[in-house]
């Protein structure tokens, strides 16, 4: 059950939030559920129209006021929204030029033997499922470069099944990048119902009932020029699941 975002920081130009798991960032043309944009416009009605509207598959315009970047519905964590057009333009440039430092935390199925590593695989659309992206052979459409660095925090077993706990550092910002990259190296994210559906009946999922992906750190230059580092605490559900394997 989603709840309202928690405000981590705000000034006259931006607001930084901790987005709860299960909350849509903006309307998708399919769901009638509440979104981050709904919350944002209720709190900052004067910011309506900031940014660029989106469109669904049928070409219908979707309200995306304030949205500079997005998190998947199943992902929790830190996001920054723009209150003014000037702030939006500044932040959009930061993301476009890859000047934003992002750190995620994730639990994955299987062991990761390397302490550090890089997944450098272009991402296209899955030929099997239109909802998915693919970093594997057979991906269709335009392939876009995508790079994810990782650092293993720990690994172990829970009820005789191996898992690993990792930090993820996306260097590019492709749709579903972390989820598609980890699937491509056969280490999908725990409880990722889209990219790890083949494990649904075979895994204990660390007893989790949500996807184990959280946007933990966001560091960037604010419109005023100062560089700030924002942290959304790792949710207890992820911490507890990590303890099951690291202390095992």
Protein backbone atom coordinates (compact mmCIF):
# COMPACT_ATOMS: atom_id res chain seq x y z
CA UNK A 1 0.00 0.00 0.00
CA UNK A 2 1.58 3.27 -1.07
CA UNK A 3 1.71 6.35 1.13
CA UNK A 4 2.58 9.98 0.51
CA UNK A 5 6.21 10.83 -0.27
CA UNK A 6 8.45 12.04 2.54
CA UNK A 7 10.13 15.41 1.94
CA UNK A 8 13.90 15.19 2.43
CA UNK A 9 14.73 18.75 1.32
CA UNK A 10 13.06 21.72 -0.33
CA UNK A 11 13.63 25.32 -1.29
CA UNK A 12 11.90 27.71 -3.71
CA UNK A 13 13.20 25.83 -6.74
CA UNK A 14 13.15 22.11 -5.97
CA UNK A 15 11.76 19.48 -3.65
CA UNK A 16 13.58 16.22 -2.89
CA UNK A 17 11.46 13.27 -1.78
CA UNK A 18 11.70 9.69 -0.63
CA UNK A 19 9.23 7.95 -2.93
CA UNK A 20 7.45 5.02 -1.30
CA UNK A 21 7.38 1.59 -2.91
CA UNK A 22 4.20 1.08 -4.94
CA UNK A 23 3.60 4.75 -5.83
CA UNK A 24 3.49 5.67 -9.51
CA UNK A 25 5.58 8.70 -10.47
CA UNK A 26 3.13 9.95 -13.09
CA UNK A 27 -0.01 8.70 -14.83
CA UNK A 28 0.58 5.94 -17.38
CA UNK A 29 -2.75 6.05 -19.17
CA UNK A 30 -3.76 2.71 -17.64
CA UNK A 31 -3.95 3.07 -13.85
CA UNK A 32 -6.22 5.45 -11.96
CA UNK A 33 -4.03 5.22 -8.87
CA UNK A 34 -2.57 8.30 -7.18
CA UNK A 35 0.86 9.46 -8.38
CA UNK A 36 3.80 11.55 -7.23
CA UNK A 37 2.60 14.22 -9.68
CA UNK A 38 -0.83 14.30 -8.00
CA UNK A 39 0.86 14.86 -4.63
CA UNK A 40 3.21 17.48 -6.12
CA UNK A 41 0.41 19.51 -7.74
CA UNK A 42 -1.73 19.40 -4.61
CA UNK A 43 1.19 20.76 -2.58
CA UNK A 44 2.60 23.14 -5.21
CA UNK A 45 -0.25 24.10 -7.57
CA UNK A 46 1.75 27.06 -8.87
CA UNK A 47 4.20 24.57 -10.43
CA UNK A 48 1.65 23.09 -12.83
CA UNK A 49 3.11 22.96 -16.32
CA UNK A 50 6.75 22.88 -15.22
CA UNK A 51 8.60 20.39 -17.40
CA UNK A 52 7.36 18.46 -20.41
CA UNK A 53 4.11 16.51 -20.73
CA UNK A 54 4.32 12.87 -21.67
CA UNK A 55 2.03 10.72 -23.80
CA UNK A 56 0.65 7.21 -23.56
CA UNK A 57 0.74 4.62 -26.36
CA UNK A 58 -2.36 6.15 -27.93
CA UNK A 59 -0.83 9.61 -27.94
CA UNK A 60 -2.94 11.00 -25.08
CA UNK A 61 -1.11 13.66 -23.07
CA UNK A 62 -0.03 12.69 -19.56
CA UNK A 63 0.48 15.16 -16.71
CA UNK A 64 4.16 15.21 -15.68
CA UNK A 65 4.56 18.57 -13.94
CA UNK A 66 7.79 18.74 -11.92
CA UNK A 67 9.21 15.43 -13.13
CA UNK A 68 12.86 15.58 -14.12
CA UNK A 69 13.65 11.86 -13.78
CA UNK A 70 11.61 8.90 -12.65
CA UNK A 71 11.64 5.74 -10.58
CA UNK A 72 9.65 2.62 -11.41
CA UNK A 73 6.52 2.08 -9.36
CA UNK A 74 8.14 -0.87 -7.61
CA UNK A 75 11.29 1.11 -6.72
CA UNK A 76 11.46 3.28 -3.61
CA UNK A 77 13.87 6.08 -2.88
CA UNK A 78 15.22 9.53 -3.56
CA UNK A 79 13.83 11.75 -6.34
CA UNK A 80 14.15 15.46 -7.11
CA UNK A 81 11.29 17.50 -8.59
CA UNK A 82 11.45 20.97 -10.11
CA UNK A 83 9.15 23.76 -8.92
CA UNK A 84 10.16 26.23 -11.64
CA UNK A 85 10.98 26.05 -15.35
CA UNK A 86 14.47 27.39 -14.67
CA UNK A 87 15.10 24.66 -12.12
CA UNK A 88 13.73 22.04 -14.50
CA UNK A 89 16.03 23.15 -17.32
CA UNK A 90 19.05 23.16 -14.99
CA UNK A 91 18.33 19.70 -13.57
CA UNK A 92 17.48 18.22 -16.96
CA UNK A 93 20.89 19.33 -18.22
CA UNK A 94 22.56 17.71 -15.20
CA UNK A 95 20.92 14.37 -15.97
CA UNK A 96 21.48 14.65 -19.73
CA UNK A 97 25.18 15.41 -19.29
CA UNK A 98 25.58 12.52 -16.79
CA UNK A 99 26.69 14.82 -14.00
CA UNK A 100 24.33 13.25 -11.44
CA UNK A 101 25.70 10.64 -9.04
CA UNK A 102 23.16 7.92 -8.24
CA UNK A 103 23.51 4.97 -5.88
CA UNK A 104 20.93 2.22 -5.51
CA UNK A 105 20.74 -0.74 -3.16
CA UNK A 106 19.45 -4.10 -4.36
CA UNK A 107 19.19 -7.73 -3.36
CA UNK A 108 19.64 -10.20 -6.21
CA UNK A 109 19.15 -13.90 -6.78
CA UNK A 110 22.41 -15.88 -6.82
CA UNK A 111 25.99 -15.18 -5.81
CA UNK A 112 28.12 -12.32 -7.15
CA UNK A 113 31.73 -13.40 -6.83
CA UNK A 114 33.33 -10.15 -7.96
CA UNK A 115 33.59 -7.45 -5.31
CA UNK A 116 33.36 -4.72 -7.97
CA UNK A 117 32.41 -4.76 -11.62
CA UNK A 118 30.78 -3.05 -14.58
CA UNK A 119 27.88 -4.16 -16.74
CA UNK A 120 28.30 -2.51 -20.13
CA UNK A 121 25.48 -3.74 -22.33
CA UNK A 122 23.29 -1.72 -24.71
CA UNK A 123 19.58 -1.85 -24.01
CA UNK A 124 16.73 -2.26 -26.49
CA UNK A 125 13.21 -3.61 -26.31
CA UNK A 126 12.46 -7.21 -25.44
CA UNK A 127 11.25 -9.31 -28.35
CA UNK A 128 9.27 -11.47 -25.91
CA UNK A 129 7.41 -8.91 -23.76
CA UNK A 130 6.57 -5.33 -24.78
CA UNK A 131 6.70 -4.24 -21.12
CA UNK A 132 10.34 -5.20 -20.77
CA UNK A 133 13.67 -3.83 -21.92
CA UNK A 134 16.46 -6.20 -22.85
CA UNK A 135 20.26 -6.11 -22.65
CA UNK A 136 20.53 -9.57 -24.16
CA UNK A 137 20.97 -10.96 -27.65
CA UNK A 138 17.78 -10.56 -29.65
CA UNK A 139 16.82 -7.16 -28.24
CA UNK A 140 14.93 -5.19 -30.88
CA UNK A 141 14.58 -1.55 -31.86
CA UNK A 142 17.25 1.05 -31.27
CA UNK A 143 19.96 -0.19 -28.92
CA UNK A 144 21.13 2.53 -26.52
CA UNK A 145 24.40 2.41 -24.63
CA UNK A 146 23.95 1.58 -20.96
CA UNK A 147 26.54 1.24 -18.20
CA UNK A 148 26.02 0.09 -14.61
CA UNK A 149 28.82 -0.22 -12.05
CA UNK A 150 28.30 -2.38 -8.97
CA UNK A 151 29.88 -3.09 -5.61
CA UNK A 152 29.04 -6.20 -3.63
CA UNK A 153 28.17 -5.49 0.00
CA UNK A 154 27.69 -9.10 1.00
CA UNK A 155 26.29 -12.46 -0.02
CA UNK A 156 25.12 -15.65 1.56
CA UNK A 157 22.31 -18.17 1.72
CA UNK A 158 18.84 -18.10 3.15
CA UNK A 159 17.14 -21.49 3.49
CA UNK A 160 19.81 -23.00 1.21
CA UNK A 161 19.29 -20.45 -1.57
CA UNK A 162 22.07 -17.98 -2.54
CA UNK A 163 21.57 -14.22 -2.70
CA UNK A 164 23.75 -11.11 -2.87
CA UNK A 165 23.37 -7.54 -1.59
CA UNK A 166 24.81 -4.88 -3.88
CA UNK A 167 25.30 -1.18 -4.47
CA UNK A 168 24.44 -0.16 -8.04
CA UNK A 169 25.73 2.96 -9.78
CA UNK A 170 23.96 3.63 -13.08
CA UNK A 171 26.15 5.79 -15.33
CA UNK A 172 23.37 6.12 -17.90
CA UNK A 173 19.64 6.57 -17.39
CA UNK A 174 17.84 4.04 -19.55
CA UNK A 175 14.34 2.79 -18.77
CA UNK A 176 14.53 -0.29 -16.52
CA UNK A 177 18.34 -0.14 -16.83
CA UNK A 178 19.24 -1.80 -13.52
CA UNK A 179 16.51 -4.40 -13.83
CA UNK A 180 17.42 -5.31 -17.43
CA UNK A 181 21.17 -5.33 -16.76
CA UNK A 182 20.90 -7.63 -13.76
CA UNK A 183 18.58 -9.94 -15.68
CA UNK A 184 21.11 -10.02 -18.53
CA UNK A 185 23.85 -11.31 -16.21
CA UNK A 186 21.44 -13.84 -14.67
CA UNK A 187 21.27 -12.03 -11.33
CA UNK A 188 17.78 -10.50 -11.42
CA UNK A 189 16.53 -8.37 -8.56
CA UNK A 190 14.61 -10.16 -5.83
CA UNK A 191 10.84 -9.92 -6.30
CA UNK A 192 11.13 -8.26 -9.70
CA UNK A 193 7.93 -9.76 -11.07
CA UNK A 194 8.70 -8.53 -14.60
CA UNK A 195 12.32 -9.62 -15.00
CA UNK A 196 12.43 -12.57 -12.59
CA UNK A 197 9.06 -14.18 -13.27
CA UNK A 198 10.82 -17.47 -14.06
CA UNK A 199 11.83 -17.69 -10.38
CA UNK A 200 8.37 -17.02 -8.98
CA UNK A 201 7.66 -20.63 -7.96
CA UNK A 202 11.27 -21.71 -7.32
CA UNK A 203 12.59 -19.12 -4.85
CA UNK A 204 11.92 -18.20 -1.23
CA UNK A 205 12.51 -14.54 -2.30
CA UNK A 206 14.17 -13.85 1.07
CA UNK A 207 10.59 -13.71 2.40
CA UNK A 208 10.18 -10.29 0.73
CA UNK A 209 6.86 -9.04 -0.62
CA UNK A 210 8.24 -6.07 -2.61
CA UNK A 211 10.93 -5.56 -5.23
CA UNK A 212 14.33 -5.26 -3.54
CA UNK A 213 15.49 -2.08 -5.31
CA UNK A 214 15.91 1.29 -3.60
CA UNK A 215 17.33 4.61 -4.83
CA UNK A 216 19.58 5.42 -1.87
CA UNK A 217 21.71 8.43 -2.86
CA UNK A 218 21.31 11.32 -5.30
CA UNK A 219 24.10 13.88 -5.63
CA UNK A 220 23.93 16.82 -8.03
CA UNK A 221 24.34 20.57 -8.39
CA UNK A 222 21.23 22.54 -7.45
CA UNK A 223 20.12 25.51 -9.59
CA UNK A 224 21.99 27.85 -7.22
CA UNK A 225 25.25 26.06 -8.06
CA UNK A 226 25.86 24.26 -4.77
CA UNK A 227 26.40 20.49 -4.93
CA UNK A 228 24.20 18.56 -2.53
CA UNK A 229 23.99 14.89 -1.57
CA UNK A 230 20.55 13.55 -0.65
CA UNK A 231 20.02 10.20 1.06
CA UNK A 232 16.81 8.19 1.35
CA UNK A 233 17.35 5.66 4.17
CA UNK A 234 17.31 2.02 3.11
CA UNK A 235 13.84 0.64 3.97
CA UNK A 236 13.63 -1.79 6.89
CA UNK A 237 12.32 -4.53 4.57
CA UNK A 238 15.58 -4.43 2.57
CA UNK A 239 17.80 -4.13 5.63
CA UNK A 240 16.13 -7.09 7.31
CA UNK A 241 16.37 -9.22 4.18
CA UNK A 242 20.06 -8.34 3.80
CA UNK A 243 20.69 -9.38 7.41
CA UNK A 244 19.24 -12.82 6.65
CA UNK A 245 22.08 -13.57 4.25
CA UNK A 246 24.98 -11.47 5.56
CA UNK A 247 24.71 -12.83 9.10
CA UNK A 248 23.99 -16.37 7.93
